[in-house]
Amino acid sequence: MSWKLTKKLKETHLGSLSAFARSPSTSTITEKDDKTPSASGAVTPTAESAIAASEAMAQAPVVKPPKPGILVVTLHEGQGFSLPESHRHVFTSQHQGSLSTSNAASSVSGSVRPSSSQRVAGSYVNGSGRPHSSAGGFGAIPTNHGRISGKYMPYALLDFDKVQVFVNSVDGKPENPLWAGGNTQYKFDVSRVTELVIHLYLRNPNAPPGSGRSQDIFLGVARINPRFEERLPFVEDPKASKKDREKAAAEHAQRQKGDGHGGVEWVDIQFGTGKIKVGVEYVETRAGKLKIEDFELLKVVGKGSFGKVMQVRKKDTNRIYALKTIRKAHIISRSEVAHTLAERSVLAQINNPFIVPLKFSFQSPEKLYFILSEPLHFSDVVPPAAKDLLIKLLNRNPEERLGANGSAEIKTHPFFHAIDWRKLLQRKYEPTFKPSVVDAMDTGNFDEGFTNEAPQDSYVEGPVLSQTMQDQFQGFSYNRPIAGLGDAGGSVTDPSFVGSIQDRR
């Protein structure tokens, strides 16, 4: 089954994929990192160990939570953030450049506006009343009436099971930012046990126009292993002494903490400085089957011979997904039922950072529905090594096809000679191409021929499928939704959640 997802990919100008080189400022692969393999494709013992480690990581089974549910994340505040040494000049250089181009700078004073180079220069020449703080290297950030503009404040990228949400800080200072706290919560559908990752960034004032977020400054990352069970309230023994009750309460809290992050805790920043205060709560779902009415249809992003792909918003959590619809009659007429059910099973079991996971699947009398994170996209630039790889992967003889003896055979192909597979699976490489995406609603990278089409769950003409035909799709539905949540979206406080969470504290 092929899906036409086109447009911006053809407009992307990537460098040669055979060089695997990166800029000196990144911590990713360069040609010096790995020795070029021999013509025979032989690999070093170090490469073999990395491949073996990556095999174990990629083949790790999908672990499901004890009960399906939703993860509620709240960002409170950060402390001790700092700019990397390599970026502590970005604001200073920006203002020095403005100073050199302003002839009247000595007569200018007052508040700073990022769009006015003269005012920026004047604030530095005359030493206007802007507070200067060198904490974390943020001292040169301009202010407006003594306040730092929101665009120069850190923001967080919440990443859970390949669903990402941008969260701007709302107050404080760059080194000690404040988020909205309990006033705003973010909800994520949980279909498997995985970690919550919080990436922290600061907008780069020197980024060229149109670069989006690709030039933003990385401040660090916080990794959290949530507790995927509702927290059990502590029940005091009225007959115990005060000392014993306090001891029992402490032991209960320690046991709960050992099962994963639950409640509000400080988390240290990795690859940066400081810490961030994060609230994490897991709320189990209740009864109820998922249906098309649980989603808001936003845009059409692709079409195929059996159906289409739409961008949708899940109404209870406000998360954005790709919804793939397939007409049952079409796959029955083409004897593709087993293939389609196998696709569903593979997507549910796969555990790889670069393959879109299946979040949900459900069905109606006429259609099958797959709910996935938004799909990955690939360039049509094909260098010689890539061409050789594709030819061997598409060999019609399964016994001669590359990979017939296992995935390690593919990883040793010369096309991948510079890849440390363990490092890749840990997502420590900076990608060559970073698509410019404003937010989860941005569909600018899809063909306008699709996105201009009205999104709708189209009516299916033709005879009603018999019960015998319907029985072929038993077991297709994959997960259950959140029932009883009538809130407007995942970024707005839901009273039903707040009450249930506070009752358990």
Protein backbone atom coordinates (compact mmCIF):
# COMPACT_ATOMS: atom_id res chain seq x y z
CA MET A 1 0.00 0.00 0.00
CA SER A 2 1.61 3.25 -1.09
CA TRP A 3 0.82 6.74 0.17
CA LYS A 4 1.69 9.91 -1.75
CA LEU A 5 3.26 12.32 0.73
CA THR A 6 5.15 14.88 -1.32
CA LYS A 7 5.97 18.59 -1.84
CA LYS A 8 8.70 20.13 0.36
CA LEU A 9 10.85 17.00 0.10
CA LYS A 10 11.63 17.78 -3.53
CA GLU A 11 12.46 21.36 -2.61
CA THR A 12 14.99 20.33 0.02
CA HIS A 13 18.65 20.74 -0.94
CA LEU A 14 20.71 18.31 1.09
CA GLY A 15 24.42 17.78 0.88
CA SER A 16 25.89 14.52 -0.31
CA LEU A 17 24.76 11.74 1.96
CA SER A 18 28.00 9.86 1.41
CA ALA A 19 30.14 12.37 3.29
CA PHE A 20 28.30 12.14 6.61
CA ALA A 21 29.97 15.39 7.68
CA ARG A 22 28.55 17.91 10.13
CA SER A 23 29.46 21.41 11.20
CA PRO A 24 32.22 21.79 13.79
CA SER A 25 29.74 23.18 16.32
CA THR A 26 27.77 19.96 16.60
CA SER A 27 28.53 16.79 18.47
CA THR A 28 27.59 14.54 15.59
CA ILE A 29 29.49 12.45 13.12
CA THR A 30 32.33 13.87 11.05
CA GLU A 31 34.57 12.03 8.67
CA LYS A 32 37.19 11.90 11.41
CA ASP A 33 34.95 10.01 13.79
CA ASP A 34 35.17 6.70 11.95
CA LYS A 35 37.69 5.18 9.63
CA THR A 36 36.51 4.53 6.12
CA PRO A 37 35.71 0.84 5.72
CA SER A 38 37.48 -1.35 3.24
CA ALA A 39 35.98 -2.01 -0.16
CA SER A 40 34.76 -5.35 1.09
CA GLY A 41 32.61 -3.63 3.70
CA ALA A 42 34.54 -5.07 6.64
CA VAL A 43 33.81 -3.50 10.00
CA THR A 44 35.99 -2.98 13.04
CA PRO A 45 35.39 -4.74 16.39
CA THR A 46 34.16 -1.42 17.78
CA ALA A 47 31.59 -1.13 15.00
CA GLU A 48 30.53 -4.73 15.57
CA SER A 49 29.91 -4.08 19.26
CA ALA A 50 27.90 -0.95 18.44
CA ILE A 51 25.81 -2.93 15.95
CA ALA A 52 25.20 -5.67 18.52
CA ALA A 53 24.15 -3.10 21.12
CA SER A 54 21.81 -1.40 18.66
CA GLU A 55 20.27 -4.77 17.77
CA ALA A 56 19.42 -5.36 21.42
CA MET A 57 17.93 -1.88 21.78
CA ALA A 58 15.85 -2.10 18.61
CA GLN A 59 14.52 -5.55 19.47
CA ALA A 60 13.43 -4.62 22.98
CA PRO A 61 9.77 -5.63 23.38
CA VAL A 62 7.02 -3.06 23.72
CA VAL A 63 5.94 -2.88 27.35
CA LYS A 64 2.36 -1.82 27.92
CA PRO A 65 1.15 -0.08 31.09
CA PRO A 66 -0.87 -2.18 33.56
CA LYS A 67 -3.95 -0.23 32.49
CA PRO A 68 -4.33 2.17 29.54
CA GLY A 69 -4.38 5.79 30.55
CA ILE A 70 -3.24 9.33 30.08
CA LEU A 71 -0.12 11.11 31.31
CA VAL A 72 -0.73 14.61 32.69
CA VAL A 73 2.40 16.80 32.63
CA THR A 74 2.77 20.17 34.37
CA LEU A 75 5.81 22.44 34.07
CA HIS A 76 6.43 24.72 37.06
CA GLU A 77 9.85 26.40 37.04
CA GLY A 78 13.53 26.05 36.29
CA GLN A 79 16.61 27.00 38.27
CA GLY A 80 20.24 27.50 37.31
CA PHE A 81 19.92 27.41 33.51
CA SER A 82 22.92 28.68 31.54
CA LEU A 83 24.00 29.28 27.97
CA PRO A 84 26.61 26.89 26.54
CA GLU A 85 30.06 28.47 26.36
CA SER A 86 29.92 28.30 22.57
CA HIS A 87 26.82 30.52 22.50
CA ARG A 88 27.53 33.10 25.20
CA HIS A 89 28.50 35.61 22.53
CA VAL A 90 25.26 35.54 20.52
CA PHE A 91 23.51 38.43 22.22
CA THR A 92 26.70 40.46 22.72
CA SER A 93 27.70 40.12 19.06
CA GLN A 94 24.22 41.10 17.97
CA HIS A 95 24.34 44.35 19.92
CA GLN A 96 27.95 45.14 19.02
CA GLY A 97 26.96 44.89 15.38
CA SER A 98 24.14 47.31 15.99
CA LEU A 99 26.52 49.67 17.82
CA SER A 100 28.95 49.86 14.91
CA THR A 101 26.22 50.75 12.41
CA SER A 102 24.59 53.50 14.44
CA ASN A 103 26.05 57.01 14.05
CA ALA A 104 23.61 58.60 16.47
CA ALA A 105 23.88 55.97 19.17
CA SER A 106 25.32 58.34 21.76
CA SER A 107 22.11 60.37 21.83
CA VAL A 108 19.76 57.43 22.08
CA SER A 109 18.51 56.05 25.36
CA GLY A 110 15.49 54.27 26.77
CA SER A 111 13.99 50.84 26.54
CA VAL A 112 15.19 48.23 24.10
CA ARG A 113 13.09 46.80 21.29
CA PRO A 114 14.58 43.87 19.38
CA SER A 115 13.57 45.45 16.06
CA SER A 116 15.39 48.70 16.71
CA SER A 117 19.16 48.51 16.33
CA GLN A 118 19.59 52.14 17.35
CA ARG A 119 17.84 51.67 20.66
CA VAL A 120 19.82 48.55 21.36
CA ALA A 121 23.04 50.44 20.71
CA GLY A 122 21.92 53.39 22.81
CA SER A 123 21.19 51.22 25.80
CA TYR A 124 24.77 49.99 25.73
CA VAL A 125 26.44 53.35 25.15
CA ASN A 126 24.54 55.30 27.76
CA GLY A 127 24.18 52.49 30.27
CA SER A 128 20.41 52.81 30.47
CA GLY A 129 18.60 51.50 33.49
CA ARG A 130 18.31 47.94 32.22
CA PRO A 131 19.25 45.35 34.85
CA HIS A 132 22.44 43.48 34.01
CA SER A 133 22.81 39.93 35.26
CA SER A 134 25.67 37.74 34.19
CA ALA A 135 24.09 34.63 35.71
CA GLY A 136 24.26 31.78 33.23
CA GLY A 137 25.71 34.01 30.51
CA PHE A 138 22.35 35.70 29.90
CA GLY A 139 23.52 39.19 30.91
CA ALA A 140 23.50 40.65 27.38
CA ILE A 141 19.88 39.78 26.62
CA PRO A 142 17.93 42.98 25.78
CA THR A 143 14.91 44.09 27.80
CA ASN A 144 11.82 46.17 27.21
CA HIS A 145 10.97 48.52 30.10
CA GLY A 146 13.11 46.40 32.36
CA ARG A 147 11.48 43.13 31.33
CA ILE A 148 12.98 40.45 29.13
CA SER A 149 10.94 39.75 26.02
CA GLY A 150 9.20 36.40 25.95
CA LYS A 151 11.02 35.47 22.76
CA TYR A 152 14.31 35.52 24.68
CA MET A 153 13.01 33.24 27.43
CA PRO A 154 13.66 29.49 27.45
CA TYR A 155 11.02 27.14 26.11
CA ALA A 156 10.52 23.42 26.59
CA LEU A 157 9.82 20.69 24.06
CA LEU A 158 7.90 17.85 25.71
CA ASP A 159 8.57 14.55 23.93
CA PHE A 160 6.55 11.47 24.85
CA ASP A 161 6.27 8.44 22.57
CA LYS A 162 7.12 10.57 19.50
CA VAL A 163 4.45 13.15 20.29
CA GLN A 164 6.01 16.59 20.83
CA VAL A 165 4.57 19.76 22.37
CA PHE A 166 6.23 23.19 22.63
CA VAL A 167 5.72 24.98 25.97
CA ASN A 168 6.90 28.57 26.42
CA SER A 169 7.93 29.90 29.81
CA VAL A 170 5.77 32.82 30.94
CA ASP A 171 7.82 34.77 33.47
CA GLY A 172 11.01 34.90 35.51
CA LYS A 173 14.53 35.23 34.13
CA PRO A 174 16.30 33.13 31.50
CA GLU A 175 18.38 31.43 34.20
CA ASN A 176 15.31 30.89 36.43
CA PRO A 177 12.26 30.71 34.14
CA LEU A 178 8.69 30.19 35.28
CA TRP A 179 6.07 28.17 33.42
CA ALA A 180 2.29 28.32 33.90
CA GLY A 181 2.29 25.60 36.55
CA GLY A 182 -1.09 24.21 37.56
CA ASN A 183 -2.90 26.69 35.32
CA THR A 184 -1.91 24.69 32.24
CA GLN A 185 -1.53 20.93 31.93
CA TYR A 186 -0.53 18.81 28.95
CA LYS A 187 -2.02 15.38 28.34
CA PHE A 188 -0.47 12.49 26.44
CA ASP A 189 -2.14 9.24 25.42
CA VAL A 190 -0.20 6.28 26.83
CA SER A 191 -0.10 3.14 24.72
CA ARG A 192 3.30 1.86 25.88
CA VAL A 193 5.78 2.33 28.71
CA THR A 194 8.38 4.91 27.68
CA GLU A 195 10.18 7.91 29.12
CA LEU A 196 9.15 11.55 29.10
CA VAL A 197 11.91 13.77 27.71
CA ILE A 198 11.97 17.55 28.21
CA HIS A 199 14.30 19.39 25.81
CA LEU A 200 15.13 22.98 26.74
CA TYR A 201 15.97 25.67 24.18
CA LEU A 202 16.47 29.41 23.78
CA ARG A 203 15.73 31.24 20.53
CA ASN A 204 18.85 32.33 18.68
CA PRO A 205 18.75 36.09 17.86
CA ASN A 206 21.28 35.55 15.04
CA ALA A 207 19.23 32.90 13.24
CA PRO A 208 18.60 33.79 9.57
CA PRO A 209 15.00 34.55 8.54
CA GLY A 210 13.00 31.48 7.66
CA SER A 211 15.16 29.09 9.67
CA GLY A 212 12.36 28.38 12.13
CA ARG A 213 13.58 26.66 15.28
CA SER A 214 16.50 24.87 13.61
CA GLN A 215 19.06 27.40 14.91
CA ASP A 216 17.75 27.57 18.49
CA ILE A 217 20.24 27.12 21.33
CA PHE A 218 20.13 23.85 23.24
CA LEU A 219 20.19 24.37 27.03
CA GLY A 220 19.89 20.76 28.17
CA VAL A 221 17.48 17.89 28.61
CA ALA A 222 15.58 16.29 31.48
CA ARG A 223 14.60 12.63 31.33
CA ILE A 224 11.77 11.23 33.42
CA ASN A 225 10.52 7.68 33.87
CA PRO A 226 6.88 8.20 34.85
CA ARG A 227 4.94 5.94 37.17
CA PHE A 228 2.29 4.29 34.96
CA GLU A 229 -0.08 3.48 37.79
CA GLU A 230 -2.36 5.75 39.75
CA ARG A 231 -0.83 6.69 43.06
CA LEU A 232 -2.30 4.93 46.09
CA PRO A 233 -3.22 7.28 48.95
CA PHE A 234 -1.48 6.69 52.27
CA VAL A 235 -3.84 5.44 54.97
CA GLU A 236 -2.72 6.23 58.50
CA ASP A 237 -3.06 3.76 61.32
CA PRO A 238 -5.01 5.66 64.01
CA LYS A 239 -3.60 3.37 66.70
CA ALA A 240 0.03 4.05 65.79
CA SER A 241 2.08 6.73 67.49
CA LYS A 242 2.87 9.98 65.71
CA LYS A 243 6.46 8.86 65.15
CA ASP A 244 5.33 5.53 63.66
CA ARG A 245 2.79 7.26 61.42
CA GLU A 246 5.46 9.62 60.10
CA LYS A 247 7.80 6.71 59.51
CA ALA A 248 5.10 4.73 57.69
CA ALA A 249 4.23 7.75 55.55
CA ALA A 250 7.88 8.22 54.58
CA GLU A 251 8.21 4.52 53.67
CA HIS A 252 5.03 4.69 51.59
CA ALA A 253 6.31 7.75 49.72
CA GLN A 254 9.65 6.03 49.08
CA ARG A 255 7.93 2.94 47.67
CA GLN A 256 5.80 5.08 45.38
CA LYS A 257 8.86 6.98 44.20
CA GLY A 258 10.70 3.75 43.46
CA ASP A 259 7.99 2.84 40.96
CA GLY A 260 8.69 5.94 38.88
CA HIS A 261 8.17 9.69 38.85
CA GLY A 262 4.77 10.64 40.23
CA GLY A 263 3.65 13.99 41.57
CA VAL A 264 5.79 17.13 41.57
CA GLU A 265 9.57 16.70 41.71
CA TRP A 266 12.77 18.52 40.77
CA VAL A 267 14.67 16.87 37.91
CA ASP A 268 18.32 17.58 37.09
CA ILE A 269 19.24 18.90 33.65
CA GLN A 270 21.59 16.73 31.57
CA PHE A 271 24.02 18.25 29.02
CA GLY A 272 23.41 21.61 30.68
CA THR A 273 23.09 23.14 34.13
CA GLY A 274 20.33 23.51 36.68
CA LYS A 275 17.11 21.66 37.32
CA ILE A 276 13.43 21.84 36.41
CA LYS A 277 10.34 21.30 38.55
CA VAL A 278 7.90 18.95 36.82
CA GLY A 279 4.56 17.47 37.81
CA VAL A 280 3.64 14.06 36.38
CA GLU A 281 0.40 12.20 37.04
CA TYR A 282 -0.96 9.04 35.43
CA VAL A 283 -4.74 8.77 35.14
CA GLU A 284 -6.22 5.43 34.12
CA THR A 285 -8.88 5.35 31.43
CA ARG A 286 -12.41 4.14 31.91
CA ALA A 287 -14.68 2.08 29.68
CA GLY A 288 -15.62 3.19 26.19
CA LYS A 289 -14.57 2.34 22.65
CA LEU A 290 -12.78 4.74 20.36
CA LYS A 291 -14.74 6.10 17.38
CA ILE A 292 -14.25 8.63 14.61
CA GLU A 293 -16.33 11.19 16.52
CA ASP A 294 -13.57 11.32 19.16
CA PHE A 295 -11.35 13.14 16.66
CA GLU A 296 -11.50 16.54 15.01
CA LEU A 297 -10.61 16.17 11.33
CA LEU A 298 -8.17 18.93 10.38
CA LYS A 299 -6.57 18.33 6.98
CA VAL A 300 -6.01 15.71 4.30
CA VAL A 301 -2.26 15.02 4.01
CA GLY A 302 -2.15 11.97 1.73
CA LYS A 303 -4.12 9.55 -0.43
CA GLY A 304 -3.68 5.95 -1.51
CA SER A 305 -5.50 3.28 -3.45
CA PHE A 306 -7.41 2.03 -0.39
CA GLY A 307 -8.11 5.25 1.49
CA LYS A 308 -6.48 8.44 2.76
CA VAL A 309 -4.46 10.00 5.58
CA MET A 310 -5.76 12.97 7.56
CA GLN A 311 -4.28 15.17 10.25
CA VAL A 312 -6.59 14.95 13.27
CA ARG A 313 -6.82 16.22 16.83
CA LYS A 314 -7.90 13.84 19.59
CA LYS A 315 -10.54 15.82 21.43
CA ASP A 316 -9.87 14.74 25.02
CA THR A 317 -6.09 15.22 25.08
CA ASN A 318 -5.74 17.80 22.26
CA ARG A 319 -2.88 15.80 20.73
CA ILE A 320 -2.29 15.82 16.97
CA TYR A 321 -2.10 12.51 15.08
CA ALA A 322 -2.23 11.08 11.57
CA LEU A 323 -5.44 9.12 10.91
CA LYS A 324 -5.24 6.51 8.18
CA THR A 325 -8.59 5.24 6.90
CA ILE A 326 -9.02 2.08 4.84
CA ARG A 327 -12.25 0.82 3.32
CA LYS A 328 -12.97 -2.76 4.27
CA ALA A 329 -14.66 -3.57 0.96
CA HIS A 330 -11.53 -2.58 -0.96
CA ILE A 331 -9.14 -4.79 0.97
CA ILE A 332 -11.59 -7.72 0.93
CA SER A 333 -11.98 -7.46 -2.85
CA ARG A 334 -8.18 -7.48 -3.26
CA SER A 335 -7.57 -10.25 -0.69
CA GLU A 336 -5.51 -7.89 1.50
CA VAL A 337 -7.18 -8.63 4.85
CA ALA A 338 -4.28 -10.70 6.23
CA HIS A 339 -1.77 -8.10 5.03
CA THR A 340 -3.67 -5.25 6.70
CA LEU A 341 -4.06 -7.08 10.00
CA ALA A 342 -0.35 -7.95 9.90
CA GLU A 343 0.46 -4.26 9.40
CA ARG A 344 -1.55 -3.42 12.48
CA SER A 345 0.22 -6.10 14.53
CA VAL A 346 3.69 -5.01 13.41
CA LEU A 347 3.00 -1.35 14.17
CA ALA A 348 1.71 -2.27 17.62
CA GLN A 349 4.80 -4.34 18.47
CA ILE A 350 7.58 -2.29 16.91
CA ASN A 351 9.85 -0.34 19.25
CA ASN A 352 12.17 1.94 17.31
CA PRO A 353 12.84 5.68 17.68
CA PHE A 354 12.56 6.23 13.91
CA ILE A 355 9.41 4.26 13.12
CA VAL A 356 6.00 5.78 13.73
CA PRO A 357 4.19 3.84 16.47
CA LEU A 358 0.57 2.80 16.40
CA LYS A 359 -1.30 4.78 19.04
CA PHE A 360 -4.78 3.36 18.47
CA SER A 361 -6.78 1.39 15.95
CA PHE A 362 -10.54 0.97 15.71
CA GLN A 363 -13.18 0.18 13.14
CA SER A 364 -16.65 1.00 11.90
CA PRO A 365 -18.89 -1.29 9.83
CA GLU A 366 -17.35 0.19 6.66
CA LYS A 367 -13.78 1.20 7.56
CA LEU A 368 -10.61 0.49 9.49
CA TYR A 369 -8.82 3.36 11.25
CA PHE A 370 -5.14 3.60 12.20
CA ILE A 371 -4.05 6.41 14.55
CA LEU A 372 -0.32 7.13 14.22
CA SER A 373 2.10 9.87 15.10
CA GLU A 374 2.80 12.01 12.03
CA PRO A 375 4.81 10.05 9.41
CA LEU A 376 8.50 10.30 8.66
CA HIS A 377 9.59 11.74 5.31
CA PHE A 378 12.58 10.90 3.15
CA SER A 379 14.48 12.83 0.50
CA ASP A 380 14.69 11.66 -3.13
CA VAL A 381 18.42 12.44 -3.26
CA VAL A 382 20.03 9.05 -4.01
CA PRO A 383 23.86 8.90 -3.99
CA PRO A 384 25.63 5.79 -5.39
CA ALA A 385 25.97 4.05 -2.02
CA ALA A 386 22.27 4.54 -1.37
CA LYS A 387 21.40 3.24 -4.83
CA ASP A 388 23.42 0.08 -4.21
CA LEU A 389 21.70 -0.35 -0.87
CA LEU A 390 18.23 -0.01 -2.38
CA ILE A 391 18.98 -2.43 -5.22
CA LYS A 392 20.09 -5.07 -2.73
CA LEU A 393 17.12 -4.44 -0.46
CA LEU A 394 14.70 -4.79 -3.39
CA ASN A 395 16.18 -8.04 -4.72
CA ARG A 396 13.24 -10.20 -5.82
CA ASN A 397 14.89 -13.34 -4.43
CA PRO A 398 14.28 -13.33 -0.65
CA GLU A 399 17.29 -15.57 -0.03
CA GLU A 400 19.64 -13.14 -1.80
CA ARG A 401 18.05 -9.97 -0.49
CA LEU A 402 20.20 -7.80 1.79
CA GLY A 403 19.11 -8.51 5.33
CA ALA A 404 18.16 -12.12 4.70
CA ASN A 405 20.70 -13.06 7.39
CA GLY A 406 19.53 -10.42 9.85
CA SER A 407 19.49 -6.65 10.21
CA ALA A 408 23.19 -6.59 11.15
CA GLU A 409 23.89 -7.43 7.50
CA ILE A 410 22.20 -4.19 6.47
CA LYS A 411 24.03 -2.14 9.08
CA THR A 412 27.42 -3.22 7.72
CA HIS A 413 26.62 -1.93 4.21
CA PRO A 414 29.07 0.84 3.09
CA PHE A 415 26.20 3.33 2.99
CA PHE A 416 26.15 3.22 6.80
CA HIS A 417 29.93 3.10 7.33
CA ALA A 418 30.05 6.26 9.47
CA ILE A 419 27.10 5.40 11.70
CA ASP A 420 27.48 4.43 15.34
CA TRP A 421 24.24 2.47 15.64
CA ARG A 422 24.04 2.64 19.41
CA LYS A 423 24.49 6.42 19.30
CA LEU A 424 21.87 6.64 16.56
CA LEU A 425 19.23 4.74 18.53
CA GLN A 426 19.91 7.01 21.48
CA ARG A 427 19.15 9.93 19.13
CA LYS A 428 22.46 11.66 19.83
CA TYR A 429 23.07 12.64 16.20
CA GLU A 430 21.95 15.99 14.86
CA PRO A 431 19.80 15.35 11.77
CA THR A 432 21.00 16.67 8.42
CA PHE A 433 17.56 18.00 7.58
CA LYS A 434 15.43 19.76 10.17
CA PRO A 435 11.99 20.52 8.72
CA SER A 436 10.69 23.96 9.61
CA VAL A 437 7.61 23.27 11.73
CA VAL A 438 5.83 26.01 13.66
CA ASP A 439 3.74 23.72 15.85
CA ALA A 440 1.79 20.46 15.80
CA MET A 441 -0.84 22.01 13.52
CA ASP A 442 1.67 22.99 10.81
CA THR A 443 1.09 21.02 7.58
CA GLY A 444 3.30 23.19 5.37
CA ASN A 445 5.47 20.17 4.44
CA PHE A 446 2.56 18.37 2.79
CA ASP A 447 1.26 18.85 -0.75
CA GLU A 448 -1.38 21.59 -1.01
CA GLY A 449 -3.32 19.32 -3.33
CA PHE A 450 -4.12 17.28 -0.22
CA THR A 451 -4.26 19.95 2.47
CA ASN A 452 -6.72 22.11 0.48
CA GLU A 453 -9.18 19.23 0.41
CA ALA A 454 -11.94 19.29 3.04
CA PRO A 455 -11.18 16.69 5.75
CA GLN A 456 -14.12 14.36 6.18
CA ASP A 457 -14.84 10.75 6.94
CA SER A 458 -16.39 10.17 3.53
CA TYR A 459 -19.57 8.18 2.98
CA VAL A 460 -19.03 4.62 1.76
CA GLU A 461 -21.25 3.61 -1.13
CA GLY A 462 -22.11 0.06 -2.04
CA PRO A 463 -23.68 -2.90 -0.28
CA VAL A 464 -23.35 -3.41 3.47
CA LEU A 465 -20.65 -5.95 4.36
CA SER A 466 -21.97 -9.28 5.56
CA GLN A 467 -21.27 -10.52 9.08
CA THR A 468 -18.90 -13.12 7.65
CA MET A 469 -16.86 -10.34 6.07
CA GLN A 470 -16.97 -8.29 9.29
CA ASP A 471 -15.69 -11.27 11.28
CA GLN A 472 -12.42 -11.11 9.36
CA PHE A 473 -11.56 -7.91 11.23
CA GLN A 474 -12.06 -9.21 14.75
CA GLY A 475 -9.30 -8.05 17.07
CA PHE A 476 -8.38 -5.03 14.95
CA SER A 477 -9.19 -2.42 17.63
CA TYR A 478 -6.04 -1.65 19.55
CA ASN A 479 -6.70 0.62 22.51
CA ARG A 480 -9.36 2.42 24.51
CA PRO A 481 -9.87 6.18 24.72
CA ILE A 482 -10.30 8.45 27.70
CA ALA A 483 -13.94 8.52 28.74
CA GLY A 484 -15.71 11.28 30.61
CA LEU A 485 -13.28 14.09 29.80
CA GLY A 486 -15.28 16.96 28.41
CA ASP A 487 -12.54 19.58 28.47
CA ALA A 488 -11.62 21.72 25.51
CA GLY A 489 -8.13 20.30 25.10
CA GLY A 490 -4.97 18.99 26.66
CA SER A 491 -3.44 22.39 27.38
CA VAL A 492 -6.32 23.63 29.52
CA THR A 493 -6.86 22.64 33.13
CA ASP A 494 -9.53 19.97 33.35
CA PRO A 495 -11.48 20.11 36.66
CA SER A 496 -12.14 16.37 36.54
CA PHE A 497 -8.39 15.72 36.43
CA VAL A 498 -7.54 18.28 39.07
CA GLY A 499 -10.05 16.80 41.46
CA SER A 500 -8.92 13.22 40.93
CA ILE A 501 -5.27 14.19 41.33
CA GLN A 502 -5.76 16.30 44.43
CA ASP A 503 -7.87 13.58 46.07
CA ARG A 504 -4.90 11.22 45.92
CA ARG A 505 -2.41 13.65 47.45
